Amino acid sequence: MVDPDAGFLHVSCVWGPHVLAVGEALSASRTVSNALMRESSLWQPAAGKTGCSRVRGPVTMGAMVTPRVRWSGAVGEAAWIRPLLEPFERAAVTSVVPRGFEAYARVLHPLSADEEGDDSAGGKPTGREHCAGKETEAAGCEAAPVRWREVAAWSGAALTPRAQFHDIALPEHTPPGPAPWDGSGPEEGTLSEPDATALVEILRAYTGTPEECWFCLWDGHGWDTAVTSDGCAVTDPVPAAVRAGPRVELPHREYLLYAGRVEEALAFVPEQRQTANLWWPRDRSWCVATEIDLQWTYVAGSRTLIDHLVADPRLEAQPVEPSDSHLLEVHGWLARARDRAVTGVLATGATTVTTSRGTVTARLRRPSLLRRGVLSIETTHFGEGEGESAGEGEGAGEDSRKTYLQRGRGTVDRDEIGTALTFALTDLANG
């Protein structure tokens, strides 16, 4: 809490029988002032629970450290961004990263390798085979990430600058050989640590102010309310005074602000596995945006910088146009299958779409004057060794969801059904 008399932030930290008190002088004002720009380290284990674990990562007392970042209430530093954004609903590149830069790229987030399988696209070992002879992950054993180009090589689909992951992960026919990834889609809303490290190294050389950068962290990660499966509170890495302070407000998103060297983009990676969502140097020579719902990160900057990103083998980056869309859509055979399914469910009340990764079954109860309609969708993910000719089996998983339709005289919005089916079909690619 903030003591208005002393101007100190008091934090009580409990670990079993031990209680620590940590104080840091800062303004008693609700507005987070320049005092928050000082580096702070607030050690806060889960309060009141001996042996409570964190949500992510191993539990060691040494690891229970809040990232040392310089929180800031100077949200006006981000005021230049909003006027340069296209409307959020347009879902363009420049809806999330400012327009006006010479060139743009997207950095595709990698996937996890199949622990048992081989990479049919390149022949490199994955999973346990990659770790053979290594005792632990701590000893350097970590399955190599899978790139989108490897999935495209497996499926035979084209990896264009506008392709979304389901475009390459859901081929019309089952490809020969096992899929090269573990079934979970690319991470949304954060860069992987290796990719972020490489990106930071590159960006440092393309700004005159690498020691003075601004970072926006989305204020919706839920760290302040998270608990573990055994009911233990999870340490919030954001001080309460920061949460009570001002936000960077952009269309449909609010962010907390901190400052530091360009490397501070990774400040929350060790514990929270989260990179900054929006960041730029003081000279605004480039800007990086990792939108929370996207499986890639946009970078805006000079043509030379973008060419460097695209050519660097540590990253999988593609040049994009500012007007390119990231709206969730399906294309080709999947769009045709979706449209046939909409027609089928409207005509008969039920339909099934089968893909190489699983099936989507939709059932419709039409609305009436007395009750709402219901669109029920069941998604079945094929287990290991299954394909489009297989039924459910060991390893298969099921999900279900319902969309409630407005009361009426039995009429149903075709687009509403199409949207629901689009979400269900793309979820097959993401596990």
Protein backbone atom coordinates (compact mmCIF):
# COMPACT_ATOMS: atom_id res chain seq x y z
CA MET A 1 0.00 0.00 0.00
CA VAL A 2 1.02 3.67 -0.33
CA ASP A 3 1.57 5.52 2.94
CA PRO A 4 0.45 9.11 2.16
CA ASP A 5 2.43 10.47 5.09
CA ALA A 6 5.74 8.77 4.52
CA GLY A 7 5.53 8.51 0.75
CA PHE A 8 6.66 4.89 0.82
CA LEU A 9 5.38 1.79 -0.91
CA HIS A 10 5.21 -0.99 1.71
CA VAL A 11 5.18 -4.60 0.59
CA SER A 12 4.79 -7.48 3.03
CA CYS A 13 6.28 -10.68 1.70
CA VAL A 14 5.50 -14.02 3.31
CA TRP A 15 7.36 -17.28 2.82
CA GLY A 16 6.23 -19.85 5.33
CA PRO A 17 7.23 -18.51 8.80
CA HIS A 18 9.41 -15.73 7.37
CA VAL A 19 8.07 -12.22 6.80
CA LEU A 20 10.02 -9.60 4.87
CA ALA A 21 9.09 -5.93 4.51
CA VAL A 22 10.37 -4.03 1.52
CA GLY A 23 9.93 -0.26 1.16
CA GLU A 24 10.69 2.04 -1.71
CA ALA A 25 10.21 5.79 -1.61
CA LEU A 26 7.79 7.09 -4.21
CA SER A 27 5.12 9.65 -4.63
CA ALA A 28 1.92 9.18 -2.63
CA SER A 29 -0.02 10.54 -5.56
CA ARG A 30 -2.24 8.16 -7.52
CA THR A 31 -0.37 9.29 -10.60
CA VAL A 32 2.77 7.24 -10.91
CA SER A 33 5.47 9.88 -11.02
CA ASN A 34 9.10 9.85 -11.97
CA ALA A 35 9.87 8.02 -8.71
CA LEU A 36 8.62 4.89 -10.44
CA MET A 37 11.32 5.39 -13.05
CA ARG A 38 13.87 4.25 -10.47
CA GLU A 39 14.84 0.62 -10.63
CA SER A 40 13.04 -1.49 -8.04
CA SER A 41 13.09 -5.14 -7.07
CA LEU A 42 10.12 -6.26 -4.97
CA TRP A 43 10.47 -9.83 -3.79
CA GLN A 44 6.94 -11.20 -3.35
CA PRO A 45 6.38 -14.94 -2.98
CA ALA A 46 2.82 -16.24 -2.84
CA ALA A 47 1.43 -14.79 0.36
CA GLY A 48 0.56 -17.01 3.29
CA LYS A 49 1.22 -20.36 1.62
CA THR A 50 4.25 -22.47 2.35
CA GLY A 51 5.28 -24.41 -0.71
CA CYS A 52 2.93 -22.60 -3.11
CA SER A 53 4.20 -22.77 -6.65
CA ARG A 54 4.22 -20.21 -9.40
CA VAL A 55 2.13 -20.58 -12.53
CA ARG A 56 5.16 -20.70 -14.79
CA GLY A 57 8.68 -21.93 -14.23
CA PRO A 58 10.34 -23.77 -11.34
CA VAL A 59 9.94 -22.56 -7.77
CA THR A 60 13.14 -21.39 -6.14
CA MET A 61 13.48 -18.59 -3.61
CA GLY A 62 16.15 -17.03 -5.76
CA ALA A 63 13.81 -16.89 -8.73
CA MET A 64 11.09 -15.01 -6.83
CA VAL A 65 12.23 -11.61 -8.04
CA THR A 66 10.10 -8.99 -9.76
CA PRO A 67 11.76 -7.83 -13.00
CA ARG A 68 13.97 -4.80 -12.42
CA VAL A 69 12.26 -2.28 -14.70
CA ARG A 70 11.80 1.47 -14.44
CA TRP A 71 8.05 1.93 -14.32
CA SER A 72 6.81 5.23 -15.62
CA GLY A 73 3.69 7.35 -15.45
CA ALA A 74 4.87 9.47 -18.37
CA VAL A 75 2.22 8.04 -20.66
CA GLY A 76 2.44 11.11 -22.88
CA GLU A 77 5.58 9.52 -24.36
CA ALA A 78 3.23 7.24 -26.29
CA ALA A 79 0.92 10.04 -27.47
CA TRP A 80 2.48 10.04 -30.95
CA ILE A 81 1.21 6.53 -31.69
CA ARG A 82 -2.59 6.88 -31.57
CA PRO A 83 -2.92 9.46 -34.40
CA LEU A 84 -0.84 7.18 -36.65
CA LEU A 85 -2.97 4.07 -36.20
CA GLU A 86 -5.62 2.95 -38.66
CA PRO A 87 -9.00 2.03 -37.13
CA PHE A 88 -8.67 -1.12 -35.05
CA GLU A 89 -11.62 -2.74 -36.83
CA ARG A 90 -9.81 -2.49 -40.16
CA ALA A 91 -7.36 -5.14 -38.89
CA ALA A 92 -4.49 -3.79 -40.97
CA VAL A 93 -0.80 -3.88 -40.13
CA THR A 94 -1.01 -0.18 -39.27
CA SER A 95 -3.96 -0.82 -36.96
CA VAL A 96 -1.44 -2.08 -34.40
CA VAL A 97 1.87 -0.47 -35.42
CA PRO A 98 2.04 3.19 -36.54
CA ARG A 99 1.98 4.18 -40.19
CA GLY A 100 4.59 6.48 -41.69
CA PHE A 101 7.61 4.17 -41.59
CA GLU A 102 9.56 3.28 -44.71
CA ALA A 103 8.96 -0.48 -44.48
CA TYR A 104 7.25 -3.17 -42.41
CA ALA A 105 7.79 -6.84 -41.59
CA ARG A 106 6.18 -9.54 -39.51
CA VAL A 107 8.23 -11.95 -37.40
CA LEU A 108 6.43 -15.31 -37.27
CA HIS A 109 6.28 -16.91 -33.83
CA PRO A 110 7.68 -20.47 -33.84
CA LEU A 111 5.96 -23.67 -32.73
CA SER A 112 6.93 -26.44 -30.36
CA ALA A 113 8.41 -29.58 -31.86
CA ASP A 114 6.67 -32.96 -31.76
CA GLU A 115 8.47 -34.75 -28.92
CA GLU A 116 8.30 -38.11 -30.68
CA GLY A 117 8.40 -37.20 -34.34
CA ASP A 118 10.95 -36.32 -36.99
CA ASP A 119 11.01 -33.12 -38.97
CA SER A 120 9.93 -34.45 -42.34
CA ALA A 121 10.67 -31.10 -43.95
CA GLY A 122 14.33 -30.89 -43.02
CA GLY A 123 15.38 -34.09 -41.34
CA LYS A 124 16.63 -32.38 -38.21
CA PRO A 125 15.95 -34.10 -34.88
CA THR A 126 13.16 -32.84 -32.69
CA GLY A 127 11.93 -33.45 -29.17
CA ARG A 128 13.51 -36.39 -27.34
CA GLU A 129 15.72 -37.24 -30.31
CA HIS A 130 17.18 -33.73 -30.16
CA CYS A 131 17.84 -34.21 -26.43
CA ALA A 132 19.42 -37.63 -26.69
CA GLY A 133 22.48 -37.90 -24.47
CA LYS A 134 21.66 -34.77 -22.51
CA GLU A 135 20.64 -35.25 -18.91
CA THR A 136 18.35 -32.29 -18.36
CA GLU A 137 16.90 -29.25 -20.04
CA ALA A 138 19.03 -27.18 -17.69
CA ALA A 139 22.09 -28.81 -19.24
CA GLY A 140 21.17 -27.25 -22.58
CA CYS A 141 18.53 -29.66 -23.85
CA GLU A 142 15.59 -27.85 -25.36
CA ALA A 143 13.68 -29.08 -28.37
CA ALA A 144 14.43 -26.99 -31.44
CA PRO A 145 11.54 -24.71 -32.43
CA VAL A 146 9.56 -25.47 -35.55
CA ARG A 147 9.24 -22.74 -38.14
CA TRP A 148 6.21 -21.99 -40.28
CA ARG A 149 8.20 -22.83 -43.41
CA GLU A 150 8.63 -26.37 -42.10
CA VAL A 151 4.88 -26.74 -41.65
CA ALA A 152 4.35 -25.32 -45.15
CA ALA A 153 6.85 -27.79 -46.58
CA TRP A 154 4.97 -30.64 -44.85
CA SER A 155 1.54 -29.50 -46.06
CA GLY A 156 2.55 -28.26 -49.50
CA ALA A 157 0.83 -24.92 -48.88
CA ALA A 158 2.28 -21.58 -49.90
CA LEU A 159 3.64 -19.43 -47.08
CA THR A 160 2.74 -15.99 -48.39
CA PRO A 161 3.18 -12.72 -46.44
CA ARG A 162 -0.57 -12.73 -45.73
CA ALA A 163 -0.87 -16.40 -44.80
CA GLN A 164 -2.21 -17.28 -41.37
CA PHE A 165 -1.14 -20.41 -39.59
CA HIS A 166 -4.26 -22.44 -40.42
CA ASP A 167 -3.64 -21.70 -44.12
CA ILE A 168 -0.54 -23.90 -44.00
CA ALA A 169 -1.50 -26.30 -41.19
CA LEU A 170 -4.85 -27.53 -42.58
CA PRO A 171 -4.17 -28.96 -46.05
CA GLU A 172 -7.08 -30.38 -48.04
CA HIS A 173 -5.56 -33.87 -48.00
CA THR A 174 -3.45 -35.54 -45.34
CA PRO A 175 0.26 -35.20 -46.25
CA PRO A 176 2.60 -38.18 -46.08
CA GLY A 177 4.68 -38.38 -42.93
CA PRO A 178 4.01 -36.98 -39.47
CA ALA A 179 3.35 -33.32 -38.84
CA PRO A 180 6.54 -31.58 -37.66
CA TRP A 181 4.98 -29.80 -34.68
CA ASP A 182 3.27 -30.93 -31.48
CA GLY A 183 -0.25 -29.85 -32.44
CA SER A 184 -0.26 -26.56 -30.54
CA GLY A 185 -0.23 -23.46 -32.66
CA PRO A 186 2.28 -20.61 -32.46
CA GLU A 187 2.23 -18.55 -29.28
CA GLU A 188 -0.07 -15.54 -29.43
CA GLY A 189 0.88 -12.16 -28.04
CA THR A 190 4.53 -12.77 -27.19
CA LEU A 191 7.83 -13.48 -28.88
CA SER A 192 9.83 -16.55 -27.96
CA GLU A 193 12.96 -15.79 -25.96
CA PRO A 194 15.43 -16.76 -28.74
CA ASP A 195 13.54 -14.69 -31.31
CA ALA A 196 13.25 -11.72 -28.96
CA THR A 197 16.95 -11.90 -28.17
CA ALA A 198 17.87 -11.91 -31.84
CA LEU A 199 15.43 -9.10 -32.63
CA VAL A 200 16.79 -6.91 -29.85
CA GLU A 201 20.35 -7.46 -31.05
CA ILE A 202 19.38 -6.33 -34.54
CA LEU A 203 17.28 -3.36 -33.44
CA ARG A 204 20.04 -2.00 -31.20
CA ALA A 205 22.11 -1.24 -34.31
CA TYR A 206 19.28 0.69 -35.98
CA THR A 207 18.67 3.40 -33.37
CA GLY A 208 20.75 6.22 -31.98
CA THR A 209 19.10 5.81 -28.57
CA PRO A 210 19.34 2.09 -27.68
CA GLU A 211 19.73 2.93 -23.98
CA GLU A 212 16.52 4.98 -23.95
CA CYS A 213 13.49 2.97 -25.03
CA TRP A 214 9.83 2.87 -24.03
CA PHE A 215 7.87 -0.32 -23.47
CA CYS A 216 4.13 -0.88 -23.26
CA LEU A 217 2.94 -3.99 -21.42
CA TRP A 218 -0.70 -4.97 -21.92
CA ASP A 219 -2.69 -4.56 -18.72
CA GLY A 220 -4.72 -7.70 -19.25
CA HIS A 221 -2.35 -10.58 -18.62
CA GLY A 222 -4.13 -11.37 -15.35
CA TRP A 223 -1.02 -11.53 -13.21
CA ASP A 224 -2.69 -9.56 -10.42
CA THR A 225 -5.51 -12.10 -10.01
CA ALA A 226 -3.82 -15.36 -11.01
CA VAL A 227 -3.75 -18.42 -8.75
CA THR A 228 -2.20 -21.83 -9.18
CA SER A 229 -4.20 -25.03 -9.52
CA ASP A 230 -3.73 -25.63 -5.78
CA GLY A 231 -5.18 -22.24 -4.88
CA CYS A 232 -1.95 -20.38 -4.18
CA ALA A 233 -1.73 -16.71 -5.05
CA VAL A 234 0.71 -15.89 -7.84
CA THR A 235 3.11 -13.02 -7.36
CA ASP A 236 2.10 -9.97 -9.35
CA PRO A 237 5.28 -8.56 -10.93
CA VAL A 238 3.60 -5.16 -11.28
CA PRO A 239 3.61 -3.02 -8.11
CA ALA A 240 0.18 -1.94 -6.87
CA ALA A 241 1.09 1.72 -7.27
CA VAL A 242 1.77 1.14 -10.95
CA ARG A 243 -1.58 -0.58 -11.42
CA ALA A 244 -3.24 2.37 -9.70
CA GLY A 245 -1.51 4.83 -12.03
CA PRO A 246 -2.16 6.07 -15.55
CA ARG A 247 -2.26 3.88 -18.63
CA VAL A 248 -1.23 4.23 -22.24
CA GLU A 249 -4.66 4.10 -23.86
CA LEU A 250 -4.94 2.94 -27.45
CA PRO A 251 -8.03 1.66 -29.30
CA HIS A 252 -9.33 -1.46 -27.50
CA ARG A 253 -6.09 -1.82 -25.49
CA GLU A 254 -4.58 -0.33 -22.34
CA TYR A 255 -0.94 -0.67 -21.39
CA LEU A 256 1.41 -0.11 -18.46
CA LEU A 257 4.54 1.83 -19.35
CA TYR A 258 8.18 1.29 -18.42
CA ALA A 259 11.52 2.52 -19.71
CA GLY A 260 15.02 1.15 -20.18
CA ARG A 261 17.59 -0.21 -22.56
CA VAL A 262 16.35 -2.01 -25.66
CA GLU A 263 17.13 -5.31 -23.93
CA GLU A 264 14.36 -4.60 -21.40
CA ALA A 265 11.89 -5.88 -23.98
CA LEU A 266 12.70 -9.27 -22.40
CA ALA A 267 12.35 -8.12 -18.79
CA PHE A 268 9.30 -10.31 -18.14
CA VAL A 269 10.45 -13.35 -20.10
CA PRO A 270 12.27 -15.32 -17.34
CA GLU A 271 9.25 -15.45 -14.99
CA GLN A 272 6.17 -14.57 -17.01
CA ARG A 273 7.39 -15.64 -20.47
CA GLN A 274 6.07 -12.40 -21.87
CA THR A 275 7.77 -9.82 -24.06
CA ALA A 276 6.69 -6.19 -24.22
CA ASN A 277 3.65 -5.68 -26.45
CA LEU A 278 4.60 -2.32 -27.95
CA TRP A 279 8.06 -0.71 -27.85
CA TRP A 280 10.18 1.91 -29.53
CA PRO A 281 13.40 3.93 -28.93
CA ARG A 282 13.35 7.61 -27.97
CA ASP A 283 14.36 8.62 -31.51
CA ARG A 284 11.41 6.58 -32.91
CA SER A 285 13.59 5.05 -35.61
CA TRP A 286 11.55 1.84 -35.38
CA CYS A 287 8.56 0.41 -33.56
CA VAL A 288 7.65 -3.16 -32.55
CA ALA A 289 4.10 -4.38 -31.93
CA THR A 290 3.12 -7.80 -30.61
CA GLU A 291 -0.68 -7.69 -30.64
CA ILE A 292 -2.12 -9.99 -27.97
CA ASP A 293 -4.25 -12.00 -30.43
CA LEU A 294 -1.70 -12.47 -33.20
CA GLN A 295 0.78 -15.26 -33.84
CA TRP A 296 3.39 -12.89 -35.21
CA THR A 297 5.04 -9.57 -34.33
CA TYR A 298 5.07 -6.49 -36.55
CA VAL A 299 8.20 -4.37 -36.93
CA ALA A 300 8.19 -0.95 -38.59
CA GLY A 301 11.39 0.84 -39.56
CA SER A 302 13.78 1.69 -42.36
CA ARG A 303 14.02 -0.41 -45.49
CA THR A 304 17.53 -1.43 -44.46
CA LEU A 305 16.30 -2.69 -41.09
CA ILE A 306 13.45 -4.67 -42.61
CA ASP A 307 15.78 -6.23 -45.19
CA HIS A 308 18.10 -7.22 -42.34
CA LEU A 309 15.25 -8.88 -40.40
CA VAL A 310 14.06 -10.83 -43.43
CA ALA A 311 17.58 -12.05 -44.23
CA ASP A 312 18.59 -13.02 -40.68
CA PRO A 313 18.49 -16.85 -40.32
CA ARG A 314 17.71 -16.63 -36.59
CA LEU A 315 14.27 -15.25 -37.36
CA GLU A 316 11.45 -16.13 -39.70
CA ALA A 317 10.42 -12.72 -41.00
CA GLN A 318 8.48 -11.60 -44.05
CA PRO A 319 8.04 -8.15 -45.58
CA VAL A 320 4.43 -6.92 -45.39
CA GLU A 321 2.49 -3.95 -46.69
CA PRO A 322 0.95 -1.46 -44.25
CA SER A 323 -2.51 -2.28 -45.60
CA ASP A 324 -2.17 -6.08 -45.27
CA SER A 325 -4.98 -7.58 -43.19
CA HIS A 326 -4.67 -9.82 -40.14
CA LEU A 327 -8.43 -10.40 -39.93
CA LEU A 328 -9.17 -14.04 -39.10
CA GLU A 329 -10.23 -15.60 -42.40
CA VAL A 330 -10.13 -18.94 -44.18
CA HIS A 331 -9.17 -19.33 -47.82
CA GLY A 332 -9.18 -21.84 -50.65
CA TRP A 333 -10.58 -25.27 -49.97
CA LEU A 334 -11.25 -24.48 -46.32
CA ALA A 335 -13.40 -21.46 -47.24
CA ARG A 336 -15.35 -23.61 -49.68
CA ALA A 337 -15.82 -26.33 -47.05
CA ARG A 338 -16.98 -23.72 -44.52
CA ASP A 339 -19.50 -22.27 -46.98
CA ARG A 340 -20.88 -25.74 -47.80
CA ALA A 341 -21.20 -26.42 -44.08
CA VAL A 342 -23.19 -23.21 -43.56
CA THR A 343 -25.54 -24.23 -46.37
CA GLY A 344 -25.84 -27.75 -44.97
CA VAL A 345 -26.62 -26.74 -41.39
CA LEU A 346 -29.24 -24.25 -42.59
CA ALA A 347 -30.85 -26.90 -44.81
CA THR A 348 -30.75 -29.95 -42.52
CA GLY A 349 -29.86 -28.69 -39.08
CA ALA A 350 -26.51 -30.53 -38.91
CA THR A 351 -23.25 -30.78 -40.81
CA THR A 352 -19.67 -32.01 -40.41
CA VAL A 353 -16.42 -30.72 -41.90
CA THR A 354 -13.48 -33.13 -41.92
CA THR A 355 -9.86 -31.96 -42.16
CA SER A 356 -6.47 -33.61 -41.79
CA ARG A 357 -6.31 -32.38 -38.17
CA GLY A 358 -9.84 -33.21 -37.01
CA THR A 359 -13.55 -32.62 -37.56
CA VAL A 360 -16.02 -29.84 -36.83
CA THR A 361 -19.68 -30.81 -36.36
CA ALA A 362 -22.38 -28.14 -36.18
CA ARG A 363 -26.00 -28.56 -35.06
CA LEU A 364 -28.62 -25.84 -35.29
CA ARG A 365 -31.76 -25.26 -33.26
CA ARG A 366 -33.60 -22.45 -34.97
CA PRO A 367 -34.91 -19.56 -32.91
CA SER A 368 -38.61 -18.97 -32.33
CA LEU A 369 -40.65 -16.17 -30.84
CA LEU A 370 -40.39 -17.85 -27.44
CA ARG A 371 -36.81 -19.06 -27.34
CA ARG A 372 -33.41 -18.22 -28.67
CA GLY A 373 -31.77 -20.39 -31.27
CA VAL A 374 -28.63 -22.36 -30.50
CA LEU A 375 -25.71 -23.24 -32.76
CA SER A 376 -23.76 -26.09 -31.12
CA ILE A 377 -20.30 -26.85 -32.46
CA GLU A 378 -18.19 -29.85 -31.48
CA THR A 379 -14.56 -30.03 -32.48
CA THR A 380 -12.66 -33.32 -32.47
CA HIS A 381 -8.88 -33.23 -32.78
CA PHE A 382 -7.42 -36.37 -34.34
CA GLY A 383 -4.97 -38.24 -32.15
CA GLU A 384 -1.56 -39.52 -33.15
CA GLY A 385 -1.69 -41.66 -36.26
CA GLU A 386 -5.16 -40.56 -37.27
CA GLY A 387 -6.12 -38.76 -40.44
CA GLU A 388 -9.14 -37.61 -42.37
CA SER A 389 -10.33 -41.17 -42.88
CA ALA A 390 -10.02 -42.04 -39.20
CA GLY A 391 -12.52 -41.69 -36.43
CA GLU A 392 -11.86 -40.88 -32.85
CA GLY A 393 -9.08 -42.76 -31.17
CA GLU A 394 -6.46 -42.69 -28.50
CA GLY A 395 -4.99 -39.23 -28.29
CA ALA A 396 -8.04 -37.51 -29.77
CA GLY A 397 -9.52 -34.52 -27.98
CA GLU A 398 -12.91 -32.84 -28.08
CA ASP A 399 -14.11 -29.28 -27.54
CA SER A 400 -17.62 -27.90 -27.67
CA ARG A 401 -19.13 -24.46 -27.74
CA LYS A 402 -22.55 -22.90 -28.13
CA THR A 403 -23.63 -19.72 -29.87
CA TYR A 404 -27.00 -18.37 -28.83
CA LEU A 405 -29.03 -16.75 -31.58
CA GLN A 406 -31.63 -14.02 -31.26
CA ARG A 407 -35.31 -14.85 -30.90
CA GLY A 408 -37.27 -14.49 -34.12
CA ARG A 409 -39.38 -16.21 -36.73
CA GLY A 410 -36.90 -18.97 -37.43
CA THR A 411 -34.50 -16.85 -39.45
CA VAL A 412 -30.78 -17.29 -38.88
CA ASP A 413 -27.94 -15.00 -39.90
CA ARG A 414 -25.78 -16.93 -42.37
CA ASP A 415 -22.75 -14.77 -41.56
CA GLU A 416 -23.09 -15.55 -37.83
CA ILE A 417 -22.91 -19.27 -38.54
CA GLY A 418 -20.01 -18.74 -40.92
CA THR A 419 -18.05 -16.83 -38.28
CA ALA A 420 -18.61 -19.52 -35.66
CA LEU A 421 -17.47 -22.24 -38.08
CA THR A 422 -14.42 -20.19 -39.06
CA PHE A 423 -13.30 -19.98 -35.42
CA ALA A 424 -13.86 -23.71 -34.92
CA LEU A 425 -11.96 -24.71 -38.07
CA THR A 426 -8.96 -22.47 -37.34
CA ASP A 427 -8.83 -23.84 -33.78
CA LEU A 428 -8.07 -27.27 -35.28
CA ALA A 429 -4.73 -25.91 -36.44
CA ASN A 430 -3.87 -24.49 -33.04
CA GLY A 431 -4.60 -27.54 -30.91
